[in-house]
């Protein structure tokens, strides 16, 4: 599975990346809007893990671009704030499939990724 993580906090992004790579996934880590959009222009992703609060750029801009450039890629939003805690993120981002705290354990995040990306991965491999 090909995964894009967009996370400004390097240590958290690297923690998720290492965990997902140990499970055999291909993971691209971006720290901001510009590098995430560059990655979306270059490669296809099954799923995107996107921090709602980026130090540089806008998570919603990344999500919007992904819905245009990679329409089948689902987005799991993560955050350490209560912003959008009412679930309204699903009204703002049509490719949102989950919204979880950034404190979610890596193994739980991996399970969510497997769940939400599995149908697409199965389609792309023809099973």
N, C-alpha and C. Protein backbone atom coordinates (compact mmCIF):
# COMPACT_ATOMS: atom_id res chain seq x y z
N UNK A 1 0.84 -1.17 0.00
CA UNK A 1 0.00 0.00 0.00
C UNK A 1 0.89 1.24 0.00
N UNK A 2 0.48 2.25 -0.72
CA UNK A 2 1.24 3.49 -0.84
C UNK A 2 0.53 4.57 -0.01
N UNK A 3 1.23 5.11 0.99
CA UNK A 3 0.64 6.02 1.97
C UNK A 3 1.41 7.33 1.98
N UNK A 4 0.65 8.43 2.02
CA UNK A 4 1.24 9.76 2.21
C UNK A 4 0.88 10.23 3.61
N UNK A 5 1.89 10.59 4.39
CA UNK A 5 1.68 11.19 5.70
C UNK A 5 2.08 12.66 5.59
N UNK A 6 1.18 13.54 6.01
CA UNK A 6 1.47 14.98 6.02
C UNK A 6 1.39 15.41 7.47
N UNK A 7 2.55 15.63 8.08
CA UNK A 7 2.65 15.91 9.51
C UNK A 7 3.81 16.86 9.76
N UNK A 8 3.53 18.01 10.39
CA UNK A 8 4.57 19.01 10.65
C UNK A 8 5.54 18.58 11.75
N UNK A 9 5.06 17.81 12.69
CA UNK A 9 5.92 17.37 13.79
C UNK A 9 6.70 16.14 13.34
N UNK A 10 7.98 16.35 13.05
CA UNK A 10 8.82 15.31 12.45
C UNK A 10 8.82 14.02 13.26
N UNK A 11 8.95 14.13 14.57
CA UNK A 11 9.04 12.93 15.40
C UNK A 11 7.76 12.09 15.32
N UNK A 12 6.60 12.73 15.26
CA UNK A 12 5.34 12.00 15.15
C UNK A 12 5.19 11.38 13.77
N UNK A 13 5.47 12.14 12.74
CA UNK A 13 5.41 11.61 11.38
C UNK A 13 6.35 10.43 11.18
N UNK A 14 7.56 10.52 11.73
CA UNK A 14 8.53 9.44 11.60
C UNK A 14 8.10 8.20 12.38
N UNK A 15 7.46 8.40 13.53
CA UNK A 15 6.94 7.28 14.32
C UNK A 15 5.91 6.51 13.50
N UNK A 16 4.96 7.23 12.91
CA UNK A 16 3.94 6.59 12.08
C UNK A 16 4.58 5.93 10.86
N UNK A 17 5.51 6.63 10.22
CA UNK A 17 6.17 6.11 9.03
C UNK A 17 6.87 4.79 9.33
N UNK A 18 7.67 4.75 10.38
CA UNK A 18 8.41 3.52 10.72
C UNK A 18 7.45 2.36 10.98
N UNK A 19 6.39 2.64 11.72
CA UNK A 19 5.42 1.58 12.04
C UNK A 19 4.78 1.03 10.77
N UNK A 20 4.36 1.91 9.88
CA UNK A 20 3.70 1.49 8.65
C UNK A 20 4.67 0.79 7.70
N UNK A 21 5.91 1.23 7.65
CA UNK A 21 6.90 0.58 6.79
C UNK A 21 7.22 -0.83 7.29
N UNK A 22 7.24 -1.03 8.61
CA UNK A 22 7.47 -2.36 9.16
C UNK A 22 6.37 -3.34 8.73
N UNK A 23 5.21 -2.80 8.40
CA UNK A 23 4.11 -3.64 7.94
C UNK A 23 4.13 -3.85 6.42
N UNK A 24 5.17 -3.35 5.77
CA UNK A 24 5.33 -3.57 4.35
C UNK A 24 4.76 -2.49 3.45
N UNK A 25 4.35 -1.37 4.03
CA UNK A 25 3.80 -0.27 3.24
C UNK A 25 4.91 0.63 2.70
N UNK A 26 4.61 1.32 1.62
CA UNK A 26 5.49 2.35 1.09
C UNK A 26 4.95 3.67 1.61
N UNK A 27 5.79 4.42 2.33
CA UNK A 27 5.32 5.63 3.01
C UNK A 27 6.16 6.83 2.58
N UNK A 28 5.47 7.89 2.19
CA UNK A 28 6.09 9.17 1.89
C UNK A 28 5.70 10.13 3.00
N UNK A 29 6.67 10.80 3.58
CA UNK A 29 6.43 11.73 4.68
C UNK A 29 6.67 13.15 4.19
N UNK A 30 5.65 13.99 4.35
CA UNK A 30 5.74 15.41 4.01
C UNK A 30 5.47 16.23 5.25
N UNK A 31 6.15 17.37 5.37
CA UNK A 31 5.99 18.21 6.55
C UNK A 31 5.08 19.41 6.32
N UNK A 32 4.72 19.68 5.07
CA UNK A 32 3.95 20.89 4.80
C UNK A 32 3.13 20.74 3.52
N UNK A 33 2.35 21.75 3.24
CA UNK A 33 1.46 21.75 2.07
C UNK A 33 2.23 21.59 0.77
N UNK A 34 3.30 22.34 0.59
CA UNK A 34 4.02 22.33 -0.68
C UNK A 34 4.61 20.96 -1.01
N UNK A 35 5.25 20.32 -0.04
CA UNK A 35 5.85 19.01 -0.33
C UNK A 35 4.77 17.93 -0.48
N UNK A 36 3.65 18.09 0.22
CA UNK A 36 2.54 17.14 0.06
C UNK A 36 1.96 17.24 -1.34
N UNK A 37 1.75 18.45 -1.82
CA UNK A 37 1.19 18.63 -3.16
C UNK A 37 2.17 18.14 -4.22
N UNK A 38 3.46 18.38 -4.00
CA UNK A 38 4.47 17.85 -4.92
C UNK A 38 4.40 16.32 -4.97
N UNK A 39 4.26 15.68 -3.82
CA UNK A 39 4.16 14.22 -3.77
C UNK A 39 2.90 13.74 -4.50
N UNK A 40 1.79 14.45 -4.30
CA UNK A 40 0.54 14.08 -4.96
C UNK A 40 0.64 14.22 -6.48
N UNK A 41 1.47 15.14 -6.95
CA UNK A 41 1.68 15.30 -8.39
C UNK A 41 2.54 14.18 -8.96
N UNK A 42 3.39 13.61 -8.15
CA UNK A 42 4.35 12.62 -8.64
C UNK A 42 3.88 11.17 -8.50
N UNK A 43 3.18 10.85 -7.41
CA UNK A 43 2.85 9.47 -7.11
C UNK A 43 1.38 9.28 -6.76
N UNK A 44 0.93 8.07 -6.94
CA UNK A 44 -0.42 7.68 -6.57
C UNK A 44 -0.39 7.16 -5.13
N UNK A 45 -1.39 7.51 -4.36
CA UNK A 45 -1.48 7.06 -2.97
C UNK A 45 -2.82 6.39 -2.74
N UNK A 46 -2.79 5.34 -1.94
CA UNK A 46 -4.02 4.66 -1.55
C UNK A 46 -4.74 5.44 -0.46
N UNK A 47 -3.96 6.05 0.42
CA UNK A 47 -4.55 6.77 1.55
C UNK A 47 -3.59 7.86 2.01
N UNK A 48 -4.16 8.91 2.59
CA UNK A 48 -3.38 10.04 3.08
C UNK A 48 -3.70 10.23 4.56
N UNK A 49 -2.66 10.32 5.38
CA UNK A 49 -2.81 10.67 6.79
C UNK A 49 -2.40 12.13 6.89
N UNK A 50 -3.35 12.98 7.26
CA UNK A 50 -3.15 14.43 7.14
C UNK A 50 -3.46 15.13 8.44
N UNK A 51 -2.45 15.77 9.03
CA UNK A 51 -2.67 16.55 10.24
C UNK A 51 -3.47 17.80 9.87
N UNK A 52 -4.52 18.03 10.59
CA UNK A 52 -5.40 19.16 10.30
C UNK A 52 -4.71 20.50 10.51
N UNK A 53 -3.72 20.55 11.40
CA UNK A 53 -3.02 21.79 11.71
C UNK A 53 -1.56 21.66 11.27
N UNK A 54 -1.25 22.23 10.11
CA UNK A 54 0.11 22.20 9.59
C UNK A 54 0.83 23.49 9.95
N UNK A 55 2.14 23.40 10.20
CA UNK A 55 2.92 24.60 10.49
C UNK A 55 3.01 25.51 9.26
N UNK A 56 3.08 24.90 8.08
CA UNK A 56 3.17 25.68 6.84
C UNK A 56 2.13 25.17 5.85
N UNK A 57 1.22 26.04 5.52
CA UNK A 57 0.20 25.68 4.54
C UNK A 57 -1.10 25.26 5.21
N UNK A 58 -1.98 24.71 4.39
CA UNK A 58 -3.32 24.37 4.82
C UNK A 58 -3.63 22.90 4.55
N UNK A 59 -4.09 22.20 5.57
CA UNK A 59 -4.49 20.81 5.40
C UNK A 59 -5.68 20.70 4.44
N UNK A 60 -6.59 21.65 4.52
CA UNK A 60 -7.75 21.60 3.63
C UNK A 60 -7.34 21.82 2.17
N UNK A 61 -6.30 22.61 1.94
CA UNK A 61 -5.79 22.79 0.58
C UNK A 61 -5.19 21.47 0.07
N UNK A 62 -4.49 20.77 0.93
CA UNK A 62 -3.92 19.47 0.55
C UNK A 62 -5.06 18.49 0.24
N UNK A 63 -6.05 18.45 1.10
CA UNK A 63 -7.19 17.57 0.90
C UNK A 63 -7.94 17.89 -0.39
N UNK A 64 -8.15 19.18 -0.65
CA UNK A 64 -8.83 19.61 -1.88
C UNK A 64 -8.03 19.19 -3.11
N UNK A 65 -6.71 19.42 -3.06
CA UNK A 65 -5.87 19.05 -4.19
C UNK A 65 -5.89 17.54 -4.40
N UNK A 66 -5.85 16.78 -3.31
CA UNK A 66 -5.89 15.32 -3.41
C UNK A 66 -7.21 14.85 -4.03
N UNK A 67 -8.31 15.50 -3.68
CA UNK A 67 -9.60 15.09 -4.24
C UNK A 67 -9.66 15.34 -5.74
N UNK A 68 -8.89 16.32 -6.21
CA UNK A 68 -8.80 16.61 -7.65
C UNK A 68 -7.79 15.69 -8.33
N UNK A 69 -6.57 15.62 -7.76
CA UNK A 69 -5.47 14.92 -8.42
C UNK A 69 -5.52 13.40 -8.20
N UNK A 70 -5.92 12.98 -7.01
CA UNK A 70 -5.98 11.56 -6.64
C UNK A 70 -7.34 11.26 -6.03
N UNK A 71 -8.41 11.31 -6.82
CA UNK A 71 -9.77 11.24 -6.27
C UNK A 71 -10.11 9.97 -5.50
N UNK A 72 -9.40 8.89 -5.76
CA UNK A 72 -9.69 7.65 -5.03
C UNK A 72 -8.98 7.57 -3.69
N UNK A 73 -8.02 8.44 -3.45
CA UNK A 73 -7.28 8.41 -2.17
C UNK A 73 -8.14 8.98 -1.05
N UNK A 74 -8.34 8.18 -0.02
CA UNK A 74 -9.08 8.61 1.15
C UNK A 74 -8.15 9.37 2.09
N UNK A 75 -8.72 10.23 2.93
CA UNK A 75 -7.92 11.02 3.87
C UNK A 75 -8.35 10.71 5.30
N UNK A 76 -7.37 10.34 6.10
CA UNK A 76 -7.58 10.21 7.54
C UNK A 76 -7.00 11.48 8.15
N UNK A 77 -7.87 12.32 8.70
CA UNK A 77 -7.41 13.54 9.37
C UNK A 77 -7.04 13.21 10.81
N UNK A 78 -5.93 13.78 11.25
CA UNK A 78 -5.51 13.67 12.64
C UNK A 78 -5.34 15.09 13.19
N UNK A 79 -5.55 15.26 14.47
CA UNK A 79 -5.39 16.58 15.06
C UNK A 79 -5.17 16.48 16.57
N UNK A 80 -4.56 17.52 17.10
CA UNK A 80 -4.41 17.62 18.55
C UNK A 80 -5.27 18.77 19.09
N UNK A 81 -6.25 19.20 18.29
CA UNK A 81 -7.14 20.28 18.71
C UNK A 81 -8.58 19.77 18.71
N UNK A 82 -9.49 20.60 19.18
CA UNK A 82 -10.91 20.25 19.15
C UNK A 82 -11.61 20.84 17.93
N UNK A 83 -10.83 21.51 17.08
CA UNK A 83 -11.39 22.09 15.86
C UNK A 83 -11.97 20.97 15.01
N UNK A 84 -13.15 21.14 14.49
CA UNK A 84 -13.88 20.15 13.70
C UNK A 84 -14.30 18.92 14.51
N UNK A 85 -14.23 19.01 15.84
CA UNK A 85 -14.60 17.85 16.66
C UNK A 85 -16.09 17.52 16.54
N UNK A 86 -16.85 18.40 15.94
CA UNK A 86 -18.28 18.14 15.72
C UNK A 86 -18.52 17.27 14.49
N UNK A 87 -17.45 16.87 13.81
CA UNK A 87 -17.58 16.03 12.63
C UNK A 87 -17.79 16.78 11.34
N UNK A 88 -17.77 18.11 11.40
CA UNK A 88 -18.02 18.90 10.20
C UNK A 88 -16.91 18.77 9.14
N UNK A 89 -15.78 18.18 9.51
CA UNK A 89 -14.71 17.97 8.53
C UNK A 89 -15.21 17.16 7.34
N UNK A 90 -16.18 16.27 7.59
CA UNK A 90 -16.71 15.44 6.52
C UNK A 90 -17.54 16.25 5.52
N UNK A 91 -18.06 17.39 5.95
CA UNK A 91 -18.77 18.29 5.04
C UNK A 91 -17.81 19.15 4.23
N UNK A 92 -16.62 19.40 4.79
CA UNK A 92 -15.63 20.25 4.12
C UNK A 92 -14.68 19.47 3.21
N UNK A 93 -14.55 18.19 3.46
CA UNK A 93 -13.60 17.38 2.70
C UNK A 93 -14.28 16.09 2.23
N UNK A 94 -14.63 16.03 0.95
CA UNK A 94 -15.36 14.85 0.46
C UNK A 94 -14.56 13.55 0.51
N UNK A 95 -13.24 13.64 0.58
CA UNK A 95 -12.43 12.43 0.62
C UNK A 95 -12.04 12.03 2.05
N UNK A 96 -12.59 12.72 3.05
CA UNK A 96 -12.32 12.36 4.45
C UNK A 96 -13.02 11.05 4.78
N UNK A 97 -12.29 10.15 5.40
CA UNK A 97 -12.88 8.87 5.80
C UNK A 97 -12.80 8.66 7.30
N UNK A 98 -11.95 9.44 7.99
CA UNK A 98 -11.82 9.31 9.44
C UNK A 98 -11.23 10.60 10.01
N UNK A 99 -11.48 10.79 11.29
CA UNK A 99 -10.99 11.96 12.01
C UNK A 99 -10.62 11.50 13.41
N UNK A 100 -9.32 11.48 13.71
CA UNK A 100 -8.85 10.91 14.97
C UNK A 100 -7.85 11.84 15.65
N UNK A 101 -7.68 11.67 16.97
CA UNK A 101 -6.67 12.47 17.66
C UNK A 101 -5.26 12.06 17.24
N UNK A 102 -4.34 13.01 17.27
CA UNK A 102 -2.96 12.69 16.90
C UNK A 102 -2.29 11.79 17.93
N UNK A 103 -2.93 11.59 19.07
CA UNK A 103 -2.41 10.68 20.09
C UNK A 103 -2.82 9.22 19.84
N UNK A 104 -3.53 8.98 18.74
CA UNK A 104 -3.94 7.62 18.40
C UNK A 104 -2.69 6.74 18.27
N UNK A 105 -2.66 5.59 18.94
CA UNK A 105 -1.48 4.71 18.83
C UNK A 105 -1.23 4.29 17.38
N UNK A 106 0.04 4.17 17.00
CA UNK A 106 0.38 3.81 15.62
C UNK A 106 -0.31 2.53 15.14
N UNK A 107 -0.45 1.55 16.01
CA UNK A 107 -1.09 0.31 15.58
C UNK A 107 -2.58 0.50 15.29
N UNK A 108 -3.23 1.42 16.01
CA UNK A 108 -4.64 1.73 15.72
C UNK A 108 -4.76 2.52 14.42
N UNK A 109 -3.84 3.45 14.20
CA UNK A 109 -3.83 4.20 12.95
C UNK A 109 -3.60 3.24 11.77
N UNK A 110 -2.69 2.29 11.94
CA UNK A 110 -2.42 1.31 10.89
C UNK A 110 -3.66 0.47 10.59
N UNK A 111 -4.41 0.11 11.61
CA UNK A 111 -5.64 -0.67 11.41
C UNK A 111 -6.67 0.15 10.63
N UNK A 112 -6.76 1.43 10.95
CA UNK A 112 -7.69 2.30 10.23
C UNK A 112 -7.26 2.45 8.77
N UNK A 113 -5.99 2.58 8.54
CA UNK A 113 -5.47 2.67 7.18
C UNK A 113 -5.81 1.40 6.41
N UNK A 114 -5.56 0.25 7.02
CA UNK A 114 -5.89 -1.01 6.36
C UNK A 114 -7.37 -1.09 6.02
N UNK A 115 -8.21 -0.68 6.94
CA UNK A 115 -9.65 -0.75 6.74
C UNK A 115 -10.11 0.16 5.60
N UNK A 116 -9.66 1.40 5.61
CA UNK A 116 -10.15 2.37 4.63
C UNK A 116 -9.47 2.25 3.27
N UNK A 117 -8.25 1.75 3.22
CA UNK A 117 -7.54 1.65 1.94
C UNK A 117 -7.69 0.28 1.30
N UNK A 118 -8.12 -0.72 2.06
CA UNK A 118 -8.19 -2.08 1.53
C UNK A 118 -9.05 -2.20 0.27
N UNK A 119 -10.24 -1.59 0.21
CA UNK A 119 -11.03 -1.74 -1.02
C UNK A 119 -10.31 -1.19 -2.25
N UNK A 120 -9.62 -0.07 -2.10
CA UNK A 120 -8.91 0.51 -3.24
C UNK A 120 -7.70 -0.34 -3.61
N UNK A 121 -6.96 -0.80 -2.61
CA UNK A 121 -5.79 -1.62 -2.88
C UNK A 121 -6.21 -2.91 -3.59
N UNK A 122 -7.33 -3.49 -3.18
CA UNK A 122 -7.82 -4.70 -3.82
C UNK A 122 -8.20 -4.42 -5.27
N UNK A 123 -8.81 -3.28 -5.54
CA UNK A 123 -9.17 -2.94 -6.92
C UNK A 123 -7.93 -2.76 -7.79
N UNK A 124 -6.90 -2.13 -7.23
CA UNK A 124 -5.73 -1.85 -8.06
C UNK A 124 -4.91 -3.13 -8.32
N UNK A 125 -5.06 -4.14 -7.49
CA UNK A 125 -4.35 -5.40 -7.71
C UNK A 125 -5.23 -6.42 -8.41
N UNK A 126 -6.50 -6.06 -8.64
CA UNK A 126 -7.38 -6.95 -9.38
C UNK A 126 -7.93 -8.10 -8.59
N UNK A 127 -7.94 -8.01 -7.25
CA UNK A 127 -8.51 -9.09 -6.45
C UNK A 127 -9.85 -8.73 -5.89
